[in-house]
């Protein structure tokens, strides 16, 4: 593990409530983002369920329903901050860029405790880094570099399976998760959805706006 960055393997020891309002967010806010929805993968959903069951009796966690399991990849803009014309340009440019990307497979196994969530981190994050870079470049090509703030280049891809809803030590959750016997499972990435998301119900929920198939589908 020590050949990987600490965020991929070091557990948080203290947890904090995930549900504070980020800048620009409130009830009713809608936001465009590129997420990888992973709940349709039976094997990965099964692995998630094992870890969710392990912490079921511990207060302070909101398990994420299967339909909302995802890998956060790249935010785009608040819905009110981008015109229909600019959104259409982003869709066109992103679709063309992602047609040139070969599908790939991610492997997941052991959980990680982050300060605000219990997560699974893929064993190799480089394909996701590359995919995100391509999406960011496509958005820049469509709108001009720097027109929309795409946030930091720092990227720590993961699948959250429970959000922390109260400040607490991590020790009890760590003991429960370490007691799970599980096998590694895979998720095949062959599309990138553009979604319109909200968090009105203390959960990230969304509708799919577009879906960009990778090269396999040409």
C-alpha atoms as a PDB file:
ATOM      1  CA  UNK A   1       0.000   0.000   0.000  1.00  0.00           C
ATOM      2  CA  UNK A   2       2.831   2.398   0.788  1.00  0.00           C
ATOM      3  CA  UNK A   3       3.577   2.805  -2.929  1.00  0.00           C
ATOM      4  CA  UNK A   4       0.169   4.509  -3.269  1.00  0.00           C
ATOM      5  CA  UNK A   5      -0.808   7.964  -2.012  1.00  0.00           C
ATOM      6  CA  UNK A   6      -2.106   8.031   1.547  1.00  0.00           C
ATOM      7  CA  UNK A   7      -5.630   8.998   0.545  1.00  0.00           C
ATOM      8  CA  UNK A   8      -5.983   5.556  -1.093  1.00  0.00           C
ATOM      9  CA  UNK A   9      -5.240   3.553   2.047  1.00  0.00           C
ATOM     10  CA  UNK A  10      -5.033   5.575   5.258  1.00  0.00           C
ATOM     11  CA  UNK A  11      -8.244   5.483   7.321  1.00  0.00           C
ATOM     12  CA  UNK A  12      -9.564   8.633   8.955  1.00  0.00           C
ATOM     13  CA  UNK A  13      -9.694   8.367  12.737  1.00  0.00           C
ATOM     14  CA  UNK A  14     -12.290  11.093  13.340  1.00  0.00           C
ATOM     15  CA  UNK A  15     -15.488  11.533  11.322  1.00  0.00           C
ATOM     16  CA  UNK A  16     -17.534  14.647  10.620  1.00  0.00           C
ATOM     17  CA  UNK A  17     -21.038  15.279   9.339  1.00  0.00           C
ATOM     18  CA  UNK A  18     -21.084  15.241   5.535  1.00  0.00           C
ATOM     19  CA  UNK A  19     -24.289  17.219   5.159  1.00  0.00           C
ATOM     20  CA  UNK A  20     -23.060  20.777   5.589  1.00  0.00           C
ATOM     21  CA  UNK A  21     -24.030  23.122   2.759  1.00  0.00           C
ATOM     22  CA  UNK A  22     -21.235  23.695   0.252  1.00  0.00           C
ATOM     23  CA  UNK A  23     -20.973  27.184  -1.276  1.00  0.00           C
ATOM     24  CA  UNK A  24     -23.800  27.814  -3.720  1.00  0.00           C
ATOM     25  CA  UNK A  25     -25.883  24.884  -2.480  1.00  0.00           C
ATOM     26  CA  UNK A  26     -29.244  24.892  -0.742  1.00  0.00           C
ATOM     27  CA  UNK A  27     -32.534  23.020  -0.970  1.00  0.00           C
ATOM     28  CA  UNK A  28     -33.716  23.279  -4.573  1.00  0.00           C
ATOM     29  CA  UNK A  29     -30.249  23.680  -6.098  1.00  0.00           C
ATOM     30  CA  UNK A  30     -29.637  21.741  -9.306  1.00  0.00           C
ATOM     31  CA  UNK A  31     -26.160  21.052 -10.631  1.00  0.00           C
ATOM     32  CA  UNK A  32     -24.739  19.469 -13.795  1.00  0.00           C
ATOM     33  CA  UNK A  33     -21.946  16.944 -13.333  1.00  0.00           C
ATOM     34  CA  UNK A  34     -20.258  14.015 -15.010  1.00  0.00           C
ATOM     35  CA  UNK A  35     -20.752  11.014 -12.720  1.00  0.00           C
ATOM     36  CA  UNK A  36     -20.211   7.315 -13.270  1.00  0.00           C
ATOM     37  CA  UNK A  37     -23.332   5.551 -12.032  1.00  0.00           C
ATOM     38  CA  UNK A  38     -22.288   2.142 -10.703  1.00  0.00           C
ATOM     39  CA  UNK A  39     -25.434   0.738  -9.080  1.00  0.00           C
ATOM     40  CA  UNK A  40     -26.334  -1.331 -12.138  1.00  0.00           C
ATOM     41  CA  UNK A  41     -23.287  -3.552 -11.571  1.00  0.00           C
ATOM     42  CA  UNK A  42     -24.523  -6.601  -9.648  1.00  0.00           C
ATOM     43  CA  UNK A  43     -21.119  -7.609  -8.303  1.00  0.00           C
ATOM     44  CA  UNK A  44     -20.183  -4.148  -7.104  1.00  0.00           C
ATOM     45  CA  UNK A  45     -23.611  -3.587  -5.573  1.00  0.00           C
ATOM     46  CA  UNK A  46     -23.204  -6.891  -3.756  1.00  0.00           C
ATOM     47  CA  UNK A  47     -19.845  -5.839  -2.346  1.00  0.00           C
ATOM     48  CA  UNK A  48     -21.323  -2.533  -1.216  1.00  0.00           C
ATOM     49  CA  UNK A  49     -24.190  -4.361   0.499  1.00  0.00           C
ATOM     50  CA  UNK A  50     -21.743  -6.472   2.515  1.00  0.00           C
ATOM     51  CA  UNK A  51     -20.060  -3.402   3.924  1.00  0.00           C
ATOM     52  CA  UNK A  52     -23.333  -1.573   4.490  1.00  0.00           C
ATOM     53  CA  UNK A  53     -24.635  -4.546   6.464  1.00  0.00           C
ATOM     54  CA  UNK A  54     -21.492  -4.500   8.599  1.00  0.00           C
ATOM     55  CA  UNK A  55     -22.138  -0.952   9.840  1.00  0.00           C
ATOM     56  CA  UNK A  56     -25.923  -1.181   9.930  1.00  0.00           C
ATOM     57  CA  UNK A  57     -26.061  -1.199  13.726  1.00  0.00           C
ATOM     58  CA  UNK A  58     -23.744   1.781  14.150  1.00  0.00           C
ATOM     59  CA  UNK A  59     -25.382   5.182  14.512  1.00  0.00           C
ATOM     60  CA  UNK A  60     -24.205   8.111  12.445  1.00  0.00           C
ATOM     61  CA  UNK A  61     -24.254   6.754   8.888  1.00  0.00           C
ATOM     62  CA  UNK A  62     -26.614   7.186   5.930  1.00  0.00           C
ATOM     63  CA  UNK A  63     -26.281   4.128   3.665  1.00  0.00           C
ATOM     64  CA  UNK A  64     -26.506   5.028  -0.013  1.00  0.00           C
ATOM     65  CA  UNK A  65     -29.277   3.257  -1.933  1.00  0.00           C
ATOM     66  CA  UNK A  66     -28.075   1.194  -4.861  1.00  0.00           C
ATOM     67  CA  UNK A  67     -29.633   3.500  -7.462  1.00  0.00           C
ATOM     68  CA  UNK A  68     -27.536   6.444  -6.210  1.00  0.00           C
ATOM     69  CA  UNK A  69     -24.141   4.713  -6.025  1.00  0.00           C
ATOM     70  CA  UNK A  70     -21.650   6.636  -8.134  1.00  0.00           C
ATOM     71  CA  UNK A  71     -18.131   7.832  -8.738  1.00  0.00           C
ATOM     72  CA  UNK A  72     -18.021  11.620  -8.667  1.00  0.00           C
ATOM     73  CA  UNK A  73     -15.830  12.579 -11.596  1.00  0.00           C
ATOM     74  CA  UNK A  74     -16.255  16.190 -12.726  1.00  0.00           C
ATOM     75  CA  UNK A  75     -18.665  18.967 -11.843  1.00  0.00           C
ATOM     76  CA  UNK A  76     -19.790  21.262 -14.646  1.00  0.00           C
ATOM     77  CA  UNK A  77     -22.004  24.131 -13.451  1.00  0.00           C
ATOM     78  CA  UNK A  78     -25.126  25.058 -11.544  1.00  0.00           C
ATOM     79  CA  UNK A  79     -28.082  24.693 -13.888  1.00  0.00           C
ATOM     80  CA  UNK A  80     -28.886  28.409 -13.660  1.00  0.00           C
ATOM     81  CA  UNK A  81     -25.313  29.364 -14.560  1.00  0.00           C
ATOM     82  CA  UNK A  82     -25.000  27.755 -18.002  1.00  0.00           C
ATOM     83  CA  UNK A  83     -27.084  28.509 -21.075  1.00  0.00           C
ATOM     84  CA  UNK A  84     -28.808  25.864 -23.173  1.00  0.00           C
ATOM     85  CA  UNK A  85     -26.488  26.756 -26.067  1.00  0.00           C
ATOM     86  CA  UNK A  86     -23.345  26.320 -23.979  1.00  0.00           C
ATOM     87  CA  UNK A  87     -24.631  23.045 -22.539  1.00  0.00           C
ATOM     88  CA  UNK A  88     -25.316  21.767 -26.061  1.00  0.00           C
ATOM     89  CA  UNK A  89     -21.777  22.719 -27.072  1.00  0.00           C
ATOM     90  CA  UNK A  90     -20.354  20.820 -24.077  1.00  0.00           C
ATOM     91  CA  UNK A  91     -22.438  17.774 -24.985  1.00  0.00           C
ATOM     92  CA  UNK A  92     -21.265  17.818 -28.601  1.00  0.00           C
ATOM     93  CA  UNK A  93     -17.581  18.248 -27.782  1.00  0.00           C
ATOM     94  CA  UNK A  94     -17.592  15.719 -24.952  1.00  0.00           C
ATOM     95  CA  UNK A  95     -19.331  13.105 -27.061  1.00  0.00           C
ATOM     96  CA  UNK A  96     -16.710  13.462 -29.790  1.00  0.00           C
ATOM     97  CA  UNK A  97     -13.836  13.248 -27.302  1.00  0.00           C
ATOM     98  CA  UNK A  98     -15.147  10.194 -25.477  1.00  0.00           C
ATOM     99  CA  UNK A  99     -15.663   8.264 -28.719  1.00  0.00           C
ATOM    100  CA  UNK A 100     -11.876   8.039 -28.834  1.00  0.00           C
ATOM    101  CA  UNK A 101     -11.533   6.545 -25.324  1.00  0.00           C
ATOM    102  CA  UNK A 102     -11.285   2.791 -24.894  1.00  0.00           C
ATOM    103  CA  UNK A 103     -13.466   1.240 -22.167  1.00  0.00           C
ATOM    104  CA  UNK A 104     -11.663  -0.048 -19.100  1.00  0.00           C
ATOM    105  CA  UNK A 105     -12.292  -2.044 -15.951  1.00  0.00           C
ATOM    106  CA  UNK A 106     -11.896  -0.953 -12.337  1.00  0.00           C
ATOM    107  CA  UNK A 107     -11.230  -3.370  -9.483  1.00  0.00           C
ATOM    108  CA  UNK A 108     -12.588  -2.766  -5.976  1.00  0.00           C
ATOM    109  CA  UNK A 109     -12.025  -4.771  -2.796  1.00  0.00           C
ATOM    110  CA  UNK A 110     -11.440  -3.325   0.685  1.00  0.00           C
ATOM    111  CA  UNK A 111     -13.223  -0.280   2.127  1.00  0.00           C
ATOM    112  CA  UNK A 112     -11.659   2.976   3.235  1.00  0.00           C
ATOM    113  CA  UNK A 113     -12.850   5.331   5.958  1.00  0.00           C
ATOM    114  CA  UNK A 114     -12.739   8.950   4.853  1.00  0.00           C
ATOM    115  CA  UNK A 115     -13.646  11.862   7.147  1.00  0.00           C
ATOM    116  CA  UNK A 116     -17.174  12.217   5.719  1.00  0.00           C
ATOM    117  CA  UNK A 117     -17.926   8.839   4.133  1.00  0.00           C
ATOM    118  CA  UNK A 118     -17.237   5.124   4.003  1.00  0.00           C
ATOM    119  CA  UNK A 119     -15.944   4.341   0.520  1.00  0.00           C
ATOM    120  CA  UNK A 120     -14.402   1.898  -1.907  1.00  0.00           C
ATOM    121  CA  UNK A 121     -11.338   3.075  -3.828  1.00  0.00           C
ATOM    122  CA  UNK A 122     -10.356   1.400  -7.109  1.00  0.00           C
ATOM    123  CA  UNK A 123      -7.022  -0.393  -7.053  1.00  0.00           C
ATOM    124  CA  UNK A 124      -5.826   1.613 -10.066  1.00  0.00           C
ATOM    125  CA  UNK A 125      -7.066   5.188 -10.383  1.00  0.00           C
ATOM    126  CA  UNK A 126      -5.053   6.199 -13.451  1.00  0.00           C
ATOM    127  CA  UNK A 127      -7.741   5.306 -16.030  1.00  0.00           C
ATOM    128  CA  UNK A 128     -10.168   7.556 -14.147  1.00  0.00           C
ATOM    129  CA  UNK A 129      -7.617  10.346 -13.962  1.00  0.00           C
ATOM    130  CA  UNK A 130      -7.162  10.114 -17.719  1.00  0.00           C
ATOM    131  CA  UNK A 131     -10.915  10.022 -18.348  1.00  0.00           C
ATOM    132  CA  UNK A 132     -11.484  13.080 -16.194  1.00  0.00           C
ATOM    133  CA  UNK A 133      -8.718  14.976 -17.968  1.00  0.00           C
ATOM    134  CA  UNK A 134     -10.378  14.262 -21.313  1.00  0.00           C
ATOM    135  CA  UNK A 135     -13.739  15.523 -20.053  1.00  0.00           C
ATOM    136  CA  UNK A 136     -12.162  18.675 -18.616  1.00  0.00           C
ATOM    137  CA  UNK A 137     -10.358  19.313 -21.900  1.00  0.00           C
ATOM    138  CA  UNK A 138     -13.597  18.834 -23.861  1.00  0.00           C
ATOM    139  CA  UNK A 139     -15.430  21.341 -21.661  1.00  0.00           C
ATOM    140  CA  UNK A 140     -12.596  23.819 -22.137  1.00  0.00           C
ATOM    141  CA  UNK A 141     -12.711  23.316 -25.889  1.00  0.00           C
ATOM    142  CA  UNK A 142     -16.467  23.887 -25.954  1.00  0.00           C
ATOM    143  CA  UNK A 143     -16.591  26.983 -23.769  1.00  0.00           C
ATOM    144  CA  UNK A 144     -13.044  28.311 -23.690  1.00  0.00           C
ATOM    145  CA  UNK A 145     -10.458  27.569 -21.037  1.00  0.00           C
ATOM    146  CA  UNK A 146     -11.314  29.091 -17.680  1.00  0.00           C
ATOM    147  CA  UNK A 147     -14.822  30.261 -18.632  1.00  0.00           C
ATOM    148  CA  UNK A 148     -16.279  27.762 -16.155  1.00  0.00           C
ATOM    149  CA  UNK A 149     -14.510  26.945 -12.925  1.00  0.00           C
ATOM    150  CA  UNK A 150     -13.946  23.184 -13.124  1.00  0.00           C
ATOM    151  CA  UNK A 151     -12.385  23.065  -9.692  1.00  0.00           C
ATOM    152  CA  UNK A 152      -9.123  21.570  -8.576  1.00  0.00           C
ATOM    153  CA  UNK A 153      -7.106  19.132 -10.644  1.00  0.00           C
ATOM    154  CA  UNK A 154      -6.738  17.034  -7.481  1.00  0.00           C
ATOM    155  CA  UNK A 155      -8.921  13.949  -7.947  1.00  0.00           C
ATOM    156  CA  UNK A 156      -9.544  11.158  -5.461  1.00  0.00           C
ATOM    157  CA  UNK A 157     -12.044   8.832  -7.178  1.00  0.00           C
ATOM    158  CA  UNK A 158     -14.125   6.535  -4.995  1.00  0.00           C
ATOM    159  CA  UNK A 159     -17.525   4.938  -4.542  1.00  0.00           C
ATOM    160  CA  UNK A 160     -19.145   6.106  -1.309  1.00  0.00           C
ATOM    161  CA  UNK A 161     -21.462   3.548   0.283  1.00  0.00           C
ATOM    162  CA  UNK A 162     -22.418   5.462   3.450  1.00  0.00           C
ATOM    163  CA  UNK A 163     -22.261   9.148   4.342  1.00  0.00           C
ATOM    164  CA  UNK A 164     -21.392  10.296   7.844  1.00  0.00           C
ATOM    165  CA  UNK A 165     -24.248  12.229   9.453  1.00  0.00           C
ATOM    166  CA  UNK A 166     -22.725  12.960  12.867  1.00  0.00           C
ATOM    167  CA  UNK A 167     -19.301  13.802  14.245  1.00  0.00           C
ATOM    168  CA  UNK A 168     -17.836  10.690  15.864  1.00  0.00           C
ATOM    169  CA  UNK A 169     -14.696   8.547  16.198  1.00  0.00           C
ATOM    170  CA  UNK A 170     -14.085   6.064  13.371  1.00  0.00           C
ATOM    171  CA  UNK A 171     -12.952   3.147  15.556  1.00  0.00           C
ATOM    172  CA  UNK A 172     -16.275   1.290  15.777  1.00  0.00           C
ATOM    173  CA  UNK A 173     -16.861   1.471  12.023  1.00  0.00           C
ATOM    174  CA  UNK A 174     -13.309   0.340  11.311  1.00  0.00           C
ATOM    175  CA  UNK A 175     -13.689  -2.725  13.521  1.00  0.00           C
ATOM    176  CA  UNK A 176     -16.965  -3.641  11.820  1.00  0.00           C
ATOM    177  CA  UNK A 177     -15.579  -3.225   8.306  1.00  0.00           C
ATOM    178  CA  UNK A 178     -12.386  -5.155   9.036  1.00  0.00           C
ATOM    179  CA  UNK A 179     -14.522  -8.107  10.095  1.00  0.00           C
ATOM    180  CA  UNK A 180     -16.034  -8.513   6.623  1.00  0.00           C
ATOM    181  CA  UNK A 181     -14.691 -11.287   4.427  1.00  0.00           C
ATOM    182  CA  UNK A 182     -15.083 -10.235   0.828  1.00  0.00           C
ATOM    183  CA  UNK A 183     -13.614 -10.815  -2.593  1.00  0.00           C
ATOM    184  CA  UNK A 184     -12.527  -8.211  -5.113  1.00  0.00           C
ATOM    185  CA  UNK A 185     -15.010  -7.275  -7.791  1.00  0.00           C
ATOM    186  CA  UNK A 186     -14.923  -5.276 -10.998  1.00  0.00           C
ATOM    187  CA  UNK A 187     -16.838  -2.484 -12.705  1.00  0.00           C
ATOM    188  CA  UNK A 188     -16.603  -1.994 -16.458  1.00  0.00           C
ATOM    189  CA  UNK A 189     -16.568   1.647 -17.558  1.00  0.00           C
ATOM    190  CA  UNK A 190     -18.050   2.055 -21.023  1.00  0.00           C
ATOM    191  CA  UNK A 191     -20.094   5.227 -20.679  1.00  0.00           C
ATOM    192  CA  UNK A 192     -20.008   8.587 -18.913  1.00  0.00           C
ATOM    193  CA  UNK A 193     -23.364  10.122 -17.970  1.00  0.00           C
ATOM    194  CA  UNK A 194     -23.994  13.840 -17.701  1.00  0.00           C
ATOM    195  CA  UNK A 195     -26.465  14.271 -14.858  1.00  0.00           C
ATOM    196  CA  UNK A 196     -28.557  16.969 -13.226  1.00  0.00           C
ATOM    197  CA  UNK A 197     -28.212  16.356  -9.499  1.00  0.00           C
ATOM    198  CA  UNK A 198     -29.563  17.660  -6.206  1.00  0.00           C
ATOM    199  CA  UNK A 199     -29.295  16.848  -2.503  1.00  0.00           C
ATOM    200  CA  UNK A 200     -32.736  17.945  -1.302  1.00  0.00           C
ATOM    201  CA  UNK A 201     -33.343  14.671   0.556  1.00  0.00           C
ATOM    202  CA  UNK A 202     -29.971  14.310   2.310  1.00  0.00           C
ATOM    203  CA  UNK A 203     -28.785  12.118  -0.540  1.00  0.00           C
ATOM    204  CA  UNK A 204     -27.303  12.840  -3.960  1.00  0.00           C
ATOM    205  CA  UNK A 205     -30.045  12.085  -6.463  1.00  0.00           C
ATOM    206  CA  UNK A 206     -30.169  12.874 -10.164  1.00  0.00           C
ATOM    207  CA  UNK A 207     -31.663  12.505 -13.593  1.00  0.00           C
ATOM    208  CA  UNK A 208     -29.555  11.598 -16.588  1.00  0.00           C
ATOM    209  CA  UNK A 209     -29.296  14.408 -19.150  1.00  0.00           C
ATOM    210  CA  UNK A 210     -26.999  12.680 -21.655  1.00  0.00           C
ATOM    211  CA  UNK A 211     -24.916   9.528 -21.834  1.00  0.00           C
ATOM    212  CA  UNK A 212     -21.613   9.378 -23.694  1.00  0.00           C
ATOM    213  CA  UNK A 213     -20.578   5.941 -24.876  1.00  0.00           C
ATOM    214  CA  UNK A 214     -16.910   5.114 -25.077  1.00  0.00           C
ATOM    215  CA  UNK A 215     -15.143   3.756 -28.179  1.00  0.00           C
ATOM    216  CA  UNK A 216     -16.535   0.238 -27.784  1.00  0.00           C
ATOM    217  CA  UNK A 217     -19.928   1.460 -28.990  1.00  0.00           C
ATOM    218  CA  UNK A 218     -18.837   3.068 -32.261  1.00  0.00           C
END
